[in-house]
Amino acid sequence: MISKGAFAKTLLENKARIVHLYQHHPVQLSGRPTVLIEDEKGLYFETTIADTALGNERLELYRNGNIEEHSITACDDHSF
């Protein structure tokens, strides 16, 4: 369970560092969220998936329902 306000500090202080990953795997970057909003359910986000072989493969897995969960994390740009 995630408490309301759990993302507030991170969004305020580190929003530019947040990236969209596949299964928290730091070398499988999907892209950077273009929208990040804490709402009544948790953290709402929208990401434009990178137009790469990995990104296109991931989009297909989302489309056919094989991927239904997402990972986001704050990181330094030099990590990728």
PDB file of N, CA and C in Angstrom:
ATOM      1  N   MET A   1       0.846  -1.165   0.000  1.00  0.00           N
ATOM      2  CA  MET A   1       0.000   0.000   0.000  1.00  0.00           C
ATOM      3  C   MET A   1       0.898   1.237   0.000  1.00  0.00           C
ATOM      4  N   ILE A   2       0.553   2.209  -0.814  1.00  0.00           N
ATOM      5  CA  ILE A   2       1.309   3.456  -0.908  1.00  0.00           C
ATOM      6  C   ILE A   2       0.468   4.568  -0.311  1.00  0.00           C
ATOM      7  N   SER A   3       1.039   5.289   0.630  1.00  0.00           N
ATOM      8  CA  SER A   3       0.337   6.386   1.292  1.00  0.00           C
ATOM      9  C   SER A   3       0.274   7.609   0.394  1.00  0.00           C
ATOM     10  N   LYS A   4      -0.843   8.335   0.488  1.00  0.00           N
ATOM     11  CA  LYS A   4      -0.988   9.564  -0.268  1.00  0.00           C
ATOM     12  C   LYS A   4       0.134  10.520   0.132  1.00  0.00           C
ATOM     13  N   GLY A   5       0.768  11.133  -0.836  1.00  0.00           N
ATOM     14  CA  GLY A   5       1.877  12.046  -0.585  1.00  0.00           C
ATOM     15  C   GLY A   5       3.243  11.384  -0.634  1.00  0.00           C
ATOM     16  N   ALA A   6       3.272  10.066  -0.858  1.00  0.00           N
ATOM     17  CA  ALA A   6       4.533   9.331  -0.856  1.00  0.00           C
ATOM     18  C   ALA A   6       5.504   9.800  -1.945  1.00  0.00           C
ATOM     19  N   PHE A   7       4.984  10.339  -3.034  1.00  0.00           N
ATOM     20  CA  PHE A   7       5.833  10.756  -4.143  1.00  0.00           C
ATOM     21  C   PHE A   7       6.129  12.248  -4.146  1.00  0.00           C
ATOM     22  N   ALA A   8       5.519  13.001  -3.257  1.00  0.00           N
ATOM     23  CA  ALA A   8       5.595  14.461  -3.293  1.00  0.00           C
ATOM     24  C   ALA A   8       7.029  14.980  -3.241  1.00  0.00           C
ATOM     25  N   LYS A   9       7.833  14.503  -2.312  1.00  0.00           N
ATOM     26  CA  LYS A   9       9.209  14.986  -2.163  1.00  0.00           C
ATOM     27  C   LYS A   9      10.041  14.650  -3.396  1.00  0.00           C
ATOM     28  N   THR A  10       9.921  13.430  -3.889  1.00  0.00           N
ATOM     29  CA  THR A  10      10.678  13.029  -5.075  1.00  0.00           C
ATOM     30  C   THR A  10      10.289  13.858  -6.283  1.00  0.00           C
ATOM     31  N   LEU A  11       8.999  14.077  -6.480  1.00  0.00           N
ATOM     32  CA  LEU A  11       8.561  14.887  -7.617  1.00  0.00           C
ATOM     33  C   LEU A  11       9.047  16.327  -7.493  1.00  0.00           C
ATOM     34  N   LEU A  12       9.076  16.848  -6.292  1.00  0.00           N
ATOM     35  CA  LEU A  12       9.519  18.218  -6.071  1.00  0.00           C
ATOM     36  C   LEU A  12      11.029  18.357  -6.273  1.00  0.00           C
ATOM     37  N   GLU A  13      11.792  17.414  -5.757  1.00  0.00           N
ATOM     38  CA  GLU A  13      13.249  17.547  -5.735  1.00  0.00           C
ATOM     39  C   GLU A  13      13.982  16.813  -6.856  1.00  0.00           C
ATOM     40  N   ASN A  14      13.385  15.770  -7.417  1.00  0.00           N
ATOM     41  CA  ASN A  14      14.129  14.913  -8.358  1.00  0.00           C
ATOM     42  C   ASN A  14      13.380  14.543  -9.623  1.00  0.00           C
ATOM     43  N   LYS A  15      12.354  15.275  -9.972  1.00  0.00           N
ATOM     44  CA  LYS A  15      11.518  14.919 -11.118  1.00  0.00           C
ATOM     45  C   LYS A  15      12.332  14.741 -12.404  1.00  0.00           C
ATOM     46  N   ALA A  16      13.328  15.575 -12.620  1.00  0.00           N
ATOM     47  CA  ALA A  16      14.134  15.503 -13.845  1.00  0.00           C
ATOM     48  C   ALA A  16      15.002  14.245 -13.907  1.00  0.00           C
ATOM     49  N   ARG A  17      15.196  13.580 -12.779  1.00  0.00           N
ATOM     50  CA  ARG A  17      16.034  12.382 -12.736  1.00  0.00           C
ATOM     51  C   ARG A  17      15.238  11.095 -12.925  1.00  0.00           C
ATOM     52  N   ILE A  18      13.922  11.174 -13.024  1.00  0.00           N
ATOM     53  CA  ILE A  18      13.089   9.969 -13.081  1.00  0.00           C
ATOM     54  C   ILE A  18      13.067   9.408 -14.496  1.00  0.00           C
ATOM     55  N   VAL A  19      13.297   8.109 -14.608  1.00  0.00           N
ATOM     56  CA  VAL A  19      13.281   7.409 -15.890  1.00  0.00           C
ATOM     57  C   VAL A  19      12.348   6.208 -15.805  1.00  0.00           C
ATOM     58  N   HIS A  20      11.916   5.730 -16.951  1.00  0.00           N
ATOM     59  CA  HIS A  20      11.033   4.566 -17.080  1.00  0.00           C
ATOM     60  C   HIS A  20      11.919   3.392 -17.482  1.00  0.00           C
ATOM     61  N   LEU A  21      11.950   2.369 -16.639  1.00  0.00           N
ATOM     62  CA  LEU A  21      12.779   1.196 -16.874  1.00  0.00           C
ATOM     63  C   LEU A  21      11.912  -0.039 -17.079  1.00  0.00           C
ATOM     64  N   TYR A  22      12.520  -1.080 -17.602  1.00  0.00           N
ATOM     65  CA  TYR A  22      11.866  -2.374 -17.678  1.00  0.00           C
ATOM     66  C   TYR A  22      12.356  -3.218 -16.505  1.00  0.00           C
ATOM     67  N   GLN A  23      11.460  -3.585 -15.602  1.00  0.00           N
ATOM     68  CA  GLN A  23      11.752  -4.445 -14.455  1.00  0.00           C
ATOM     69  C   GLN A  23      12.891  -3.902 -13.587  1.00  0.00           C
ATOM     70  N   HIS A  24      12.968  -2.598 -13.412  1.00  0.00           N
ATOM     71  CA  HIS A  24      14.002  -1.937 -12.604  1.00  0.00           C
ATOM     72  C   HIS A  24      15.414  -2.205 -13.123  1.00  0.00           C
ATOM     73  N   HIS A  25      15.545  -2.668 -14.343  1.00  0.00           N
ATOM     74  CA  HIS A  25      16.852  -3.006 -14.903  1.00  0.00           C
ATOM     75  C   HIS A  25      17.470  -1.752 -15.516  1.00  0.00           C
ATOM     76  N   PRO A  26      18.558  -1.225 -14.958  1.00  0.00           N
ATOM     77  CA  PRO A  26      19.076   0.072 -15.382  1.00  0.00           C
ATOM     78  C   PRO A  26      19.594   0.153 -16.811  1.00  0.00           C
ATOM     79  N   VAL A  27      19.883  -0.963 -17.448  1.00  0.00           N
ATOM     80  CA  VAL A  27      20.323  -0.890 -18.845  1.00  0.00           C
ATOM     81  C   VAL A  27      19.167  -1.065 -19.820  1.00  0.00           C
ATOM     82  N   GLN A  28      17.949  -1.226 -19.312  1.00  0.00           N
ATOM     83  CA  GLN A  28      16.787  -1.370 -20.181  1.00  0.00           C
ATOM     84  C   GLN A  28      15.890  -0.144 -20.062  1.00  0.00           C
ATOM     85  N   LEU A  29      16.462   0.994 -20.401  1.00  0.00           N
ATOM     86  CA  LEU A  29      15.752   2.268 -20.356  1.00  0.00           C
ATOM     87  C   LEU A  29      14.684   2.307 -21.439  1.00  0.00           C
ATOM     88  N   SER A  30      13.453   2.627 -21.037  1.00  0.00           N
ATOM     89  CA  SER A  30      12.350   2.761 -21.995  1.00  0.00           C
ATOM     90  C   SER A  30      12.209   4.191 -22.474  1.00  0.00           C
ATOM     91  N   GLY A  31      12.501   5.135 -21.605  1.00  0.00           N
ATOM     92  CA  GLY A  31      12.363   6.547 -21.921  1.00  0.00           C
ATOM     93  C   GLY A  31      12.224   7.333 -20.630  1.00  0.00           C
ATOM     94  N   ARG A  32      11.901   8.611 -20.763  1.00  0.00           N
ATOM     95  CA  ARG A  32      11.659   9.463 -19.602  1.00  0.00           C
ATOM     96  C   ARG A  32      10.183   9.830 -19.590  1.00  0.00           C
ATOM     97  N   PRO A  33       9.555   9.770 -18.432  1.00  0.00           N
ATOM     98  CA  PRO A  33       8.154  10.169 -18.351  1.00  0.00           C
ATOM     99  C   PRO A  33       7.977  11.629 -18.787  1.00  0.00           C
ATOM    100  N   THR A  34       6.949  11.873 -19.570  1.00  0.00           N
ATOM    101  CA  THR A  34       6.614  13.230 -20.000  1.00  0.00           C
ATOM    102  C   THR A  34       5.572  13.847 -19.082  1.00  0.00           C
ATOM    103  N   VAL A  35       4.863  12.999 -18.341  1.00  0.00           N
ATOM    104  CA  VAL A  35       3.863  13.430 -17.357  1.00  0.00           C
ATOM    105  C   VAL A  35       4.078  12.613 -16.091  1.00  0.00           C
ATOM    106  N   LEU A  36       4.177  13.287 -14.956  1.00  0.00           N
ATOM    107  CA  LEU A  36       4.271  12.638 -13.648  1.00  0.00           C
ATOM    108  C   LEU A  36       3.392  13.407 -12.686  1.00  0.00           C
ATOM    109  N   ILE A  37       2.322  12.763 -12.214  1.00  0.00           N
ATOM    110  CA  ILE A  37       1.381  13.419 -11.316  1.00  0.00           C
ATOM    111  C   ILE A  37       0.963  12.432 -10.237  1.00  0.00           C
ATOM    112  N   GLU A  38       1.096  12.843  -9.001  1.00  0.00           N
ATOM    113  CA  GLU A  38       0.583  12.015  -7.919  1.00  0.00           C
ATOM    114  C   GLU A  38      -0.921  12.244  -7.837  1.00  0.00           C
ATOM    115  N   ASP A  39      -1.699  11.162  -7.903  1.00  0.00           N
ATOM    116  CA  ASP A  39      -3.157  11.276  -7.829  1.00  0.00           C
ATOM    117  C   ASP A  39      -3.682  10.395  -6.700  1.00  0.00           C
ATOM    118  N   GLU A  40      -4.985  10.209  -6.639  1.00  0.00           N
ATOM    119  CA  GLU A  40      -5.592   9.438  -5.552  1.00  0.00           C
ATOM    120  C   GLU A  40      -5.238   7.951  -5.589  1.00  0.00           C
ATOM    121  N   LYS A  41      -4.767   7.447  -6.716  1.00  0.00           N
ATOM    122  CA  LYS A  41      -4.404   6.036  -6.833  1.00  0.00           C
ATOM    123  C   LYS A  41      -2.920   5.789  -6.626  1.00  0.00           C
ATOM    124  N   GLY A  42      -2.108   6.813  -6.779  1.00  0.00           N
ATOM    125  CA  GLY A  42      -0.663   6.643  -6.678  1.00  0.00           C
ATOM    126  C   GLY A  42       0.035   7.620  -7.596  1.00  0.00           C
ATOM    127  N   LEU A  43       0.930   7.114  -8.422  1.00  0.00           N
ATOM    128  CA  LEU A  43       1.682   7.961  -9.345  1.00  0.00           C
ATOM    129  C   LEU A  43       1.216   7.699 -10.771  1.00  0.00           C
ATOM    130  N   TYR A  44       0.613   8.705 -11.371  1.00  0.00           N
ATOM    131  CA  TYR A  44       0.193   8.621 -12.774  1.00  0.00           C
ATOM    132  C   TYR A  44       1.359   9.109 -13.616  1.00  0.00           C
ATOM    133  N   PHE A  45       1.665   8.376 -14.681  1.00  0.00           N
ATOM    134  CA  PHE A  45       2.725   8.829 -15.578  1.00  0.00           C
ATOM    135  C   PHE A  45       2.412   8.462 -17.015  1.00  0.00           C
ATOM    136  N   GLU A  46       2.988   9.222 -17.912  1.00  0.00           N
ATOM    137  CA  GLU A  46       2.957   8.930 -19.348  1.00  0.00           C
ATOM    138  C   GLU A  46       4.390   9.015 -19.837  1.00  0.00           C
ATOM    139  N   THR A  47       4.783   8.050 -20.643  1.00  0.00           N
ATOM    140  CA  THR A  47       6.132   8.013 -21.193  1.00  0.00           C
ATOM    141  C   THR A  47       6.047   7.803 -22.697  1.00  0.00           C
ATOM    142  N   THR A  48       6.845   8.544 -23.419  1.00  0.00           N
ATOM    143  CA  THR A  48       7.038   8.259 -24.832  1.00  0.00           C
ATOM    144  C   THR A  48       8.170   7.240 -24.905  1.00  0.00           C
ATOM    145  N   ILE A  49       7.832   6.032 -25.328  1.00  0.00           N
ATOM    146  CA  ILE A  49       8.824   4.962 -25.401  1.00  0.00           C
ATOM    147  C   ILE A  49       9.801   5.268 -26.533  1.00  0.00           C
ATOM    148  N   ALA A  50      11.084   5.068 -26.263  1.00  0.00           N
ATOM    149  CA  ALA A  50      12.138   5.351 -27.233  1.00  0.00           C
ATOM    150  C   ALA A  50      11.944   4.534 -28.506  1.00  0.00           C
ATOM    151  N   ASP A  51      12.210   5.150 -29.646  1.00  0.00           N
ATOM    152  CA  ASP A  51      12.117   4.484 -30.952  1.00  0.00           C
ATOM    153  C   ASP A  51      13.423   3.740 -31.210  1.00  0.00           C
ATOM    154  N   THR A  52      13.588   2.649 -30.471  1.00  0.00           N
ATOM    155  CA  THR A  52      14.757   1.778 -30.590  1.00  0.00           C
ATOM    156  C   THR A  52      14.256   0.357 -30.750  1.00  0.00           C
ATOM    157  N   ALA A  53      15.145  -0.563 -31.052  1.00  0.00           N
ATOM    158  CA  ALA A  53      14.739  -1.968 -31.163  1.00  0.00           C
ATOM    159  C   ALA A  53      14.111  -2.430 -29.844  1.00  0.00           C
ATOM    160  N   LEU A  54      14.753  -2.093 -28.732  1.00  0.00           N
ATOM    161  CA  LEU A  54      14.228  -2.480 -27.429  1.00  0.00           C
ATOM    162  C   LEU A  54      12.892  -1.805 -27.142  1.00  0.00           C
ATOM    163  N   GLY A  55      12.789  -0.516 -27.450  1.00  0.00           N
ATOM    164  CA  GLY A  55      11.545   0.216 -27.230  1.00  0.00           C
ATOM    165  C   GLY A  55      10.403  -0.346 -28.064  1.00  0.00           C
ATOM    166  N   ASN A  56      10.666  -0.632 -29.330  1.00  0.00           N
ATOM    167  CA  ASN A  56       9.624  -1.177 -30.210  1.00  0.00           C
ATOM    168  C   ASN A  56       9.194  -2.572 -29.770  1.00  0.00           C
ATOM    169  N   GLU A  57      10.156  -3.378 -29.311  1.00  0.00           N
ATOM    170  CA  GLU A  57       9.821  -4.705 -28.797  1.00  0.00           C
ATOM    171  C   GLU A  57       8.944  -4.582 -27.547  1.00  0.00           C
ATOM    172  N   ARG A  58       9.302  -3.665 -26.680  1.00  0.00           N
ATOM    173  CA  ARG A  58       8.535  -3.460 -25.451  1.00  0.00           C
ATOM    174  C   ARG A  58       7.119  -2.989 -25.768  1.00  0.00           C
ATOM    175  N   LEU A  59       6.969  -2.058 -26.726  1.00  0.00           N
ATOM    176  CA  LEU A  59       5.632  -1.591 -27.106  1.00  0.00           C
ATOM    177  C   LEU A  59       4.759  -2.745 -27.584  1.00  0.00           C
ATOM    178  N   GLU A  60       5.334  -3.638 -28.358  1.00  0.00           N
ATOM    179  CA  GLU A  60       4.569  -4.794 -28.825  1.00  0.00           C
ATOM    180  C   GLU A  60       4.142  -5.673 -27.645  1.00  0.00           C
ATOM    181  N   LEU A  61       5.022  -5.846 -26.673  1.00  0.00           N
ATOM    182  CA  LEU A  61       4.672  -6.636 -25.490  1.00  0.00           C
ATOM    183  C   LEU A  61       3.571  -5.961 -24.677  1.00  0.00           C
ATOM    184  N   TYR A  62       3.566  -4.618 -24.605  1.00  0.00           N
ATOM    185  CA  TYR A  62       2.470  -3.903 -23.953  1.00  0.00           C
ATOM    186  C   TYR A  62       1.175  -4.116 -24.730  1.00  0.00           C
ATOM    187  N   ARG A  63       1.242  -3.971 -26.043  1.00  0.00           N
ATOM    188  CA  ARG A  63       0.036  -4.085 -26.878  1.00  0.00           C
ATOM    189  C   ARG A  63      -0.630  -5.448 -26.761  1.00  0.00           C
ATOM    190  N   ASN A  64       0.177  -6.510 -26.707  1.00  0.00           N
ATOM    191  CA  ASN A  64      -0.440  -7.842 -26.653  1.00  0.00           C
ATOM    192  C   ASN A  64      -0.671  -8.333 -25.223  1.00  0.00           C
ATOM    193  N   GLY A  65      -0.447  -7.463 -24.224  1.00  0.00           N
ATOM    194  CA  GLY A  65      -0.788  -7.781 -22.850  1.00  0.00           C
ATOM    195  C   GLY A  65       0.242  -8.579 -22.073  1.00  0.00           C
ATOM    196  N   ASN A  66       1.413  -8.789 -22.645  1.00  0.00           N
ATOM    197  CA  ASN A  66       2.443  -9.537 -21.931  1.00  0.00           C
ATOM    198  C   ASN A  66       3.125  -8.719 -20.842  1.00  0.00           C
ATOM    199  N   ILE A  67       3.130  -7.416 -20.975  1.00  0.00           N
ATOM    200  CA  ILE A  67       3.657  -6.540 -19.924  1.00  0.00           C
ATOM    201  C   ILE A  67       2.494  -5.718 -19.398  1.00  0.00           C
ATOM    202  N   GLU A  68       2.287  -5.764 -18.091  1.00  0.00           N
ATOM    203  CA  GLU A  68       1.208  -5.004 -17.470  1.00  0.00           C
ATOM    204  C   GLU A  68       1.692  -4.170 -16.296  1.00  0.00           C
ATOM    205  N   GLU A  69       2.989  -4.220 -15.993  1.00  0.00           N
ATOM    206  CA  GLU A  69       3.548  -3.473 -14.882  1.00  0.00           C
ATOM    207  C   GLU A  69       4.711  -2.631 -15.384  1.00  0.00           C
ATOM    208  N   HIS A  70       5.053  -1.612 -14.611  1.00  0.00           N
ATOM    209  CA  HIS A  70       6.069  -0.663 -15.033  1.00  0.00           C
ATOM    210  C   HIS A  70       7.008  -0.370 -13.882  1.00  0.00           C
ATOM    211  N   SER A  71       8.195   0.097 -14.202  1.00  0.00           N
ATOM    212  CA  SER A  71       9.162   0.519 -13.201  1.00  0.00           C
ATOM    213  C   SER A  71       9.623   1.926 -13.536  1.00  0.00           C
ATOM    214  N   ILE A  72       9.676   2.765 -12.519  1.00  0.00           N
ATOM    215  CA  ILE A  72      10.301   4.064 -12.685  1.00  0.00           C
ATOM    216  C   ILE A  72      11.268   4.238 -11.530  1.00  0.00           C
ATOM    217  N   THR A  73      12.303   5.001 -11.738  1.00  0.00           N
ATOM    218  CA  THR A  73      13.273   5.250 -10.690  1.00  0.00           C
ATOM    219  C   THR A  73      13.948   6.592 -10.942  1.00  0.00           C
ATOM    220  N   ALA A  74      14.505   7.152  -9.912  1.00  0.00           N
ATOM    221  CA  ALA A  74      15.321   8.353 -10.057  1.00  0.00           C
ATOM    222  C   ALA A  74      16.758   7.904 -10.201  1.00  0.00           C
ATOM    223  N   CYS A  75      17.462   8.495 -11.150  1.00  0.00           N
ATOM    224  CA  CYS A  75      18.859   8.143 -11.369  1.00  0.00           C
ATOM    225  C   CYS A  75      19.618   9.332 -11.911  1.00  0.00           C
ATOM    226  N   ASP A  76      20.922   9.225 -11.898  1.00  0.00           N
ATOM    227  CA  ASP A  76      21.753  10.247 -12.514  1.00  0.00           C
ATOM    228  C   ASP A  76      21.878   9.950 -13.984  1.00  0.00           C
ATOM    229  N   ASP A  77      21.895  10.991 -14.824  1.00  0.00           N
ATOM    230  CA  ASP A  77      21.988  10.814 -16.279  1.00  0.00           C
ATOM    231  C   ASP A  77      23.184   9.967 -16.688  1.00  0.00           C
ATOM    232  N   HIS A  78      24.281  10.058 -15.963  1.00  0.00           N
ATOM    233  CA  HIS A  78      25.472   9.312 -16.353  1.00  0.00           C
ATOM    234  C   HIS A  78      25.350   7.819 -16.088  1.00  0.00           C
ATOM    235  N   SER A  79      24.245   7.377 -15.508  1.00  0.00           N
ATOM    236  CA  SER A  79      24.044   5.946 -15.240  1.00  0.00           C
ATOM    237  C   SER A  79      23.723   5.175 -16.508  1.00  0.00           C
ATOM    238  N   PHE A  80      23.338   5.875 -17.590  1.00  0.00           N
ATOM    239  CA  PHE A  80      22.911   5.174 -18.810  1.00  0.00           C
ATOM    240  C   PHE A  80      23.856   5.412 -19.935  1.00  0.00           C
TER     241      PHE A  80
END
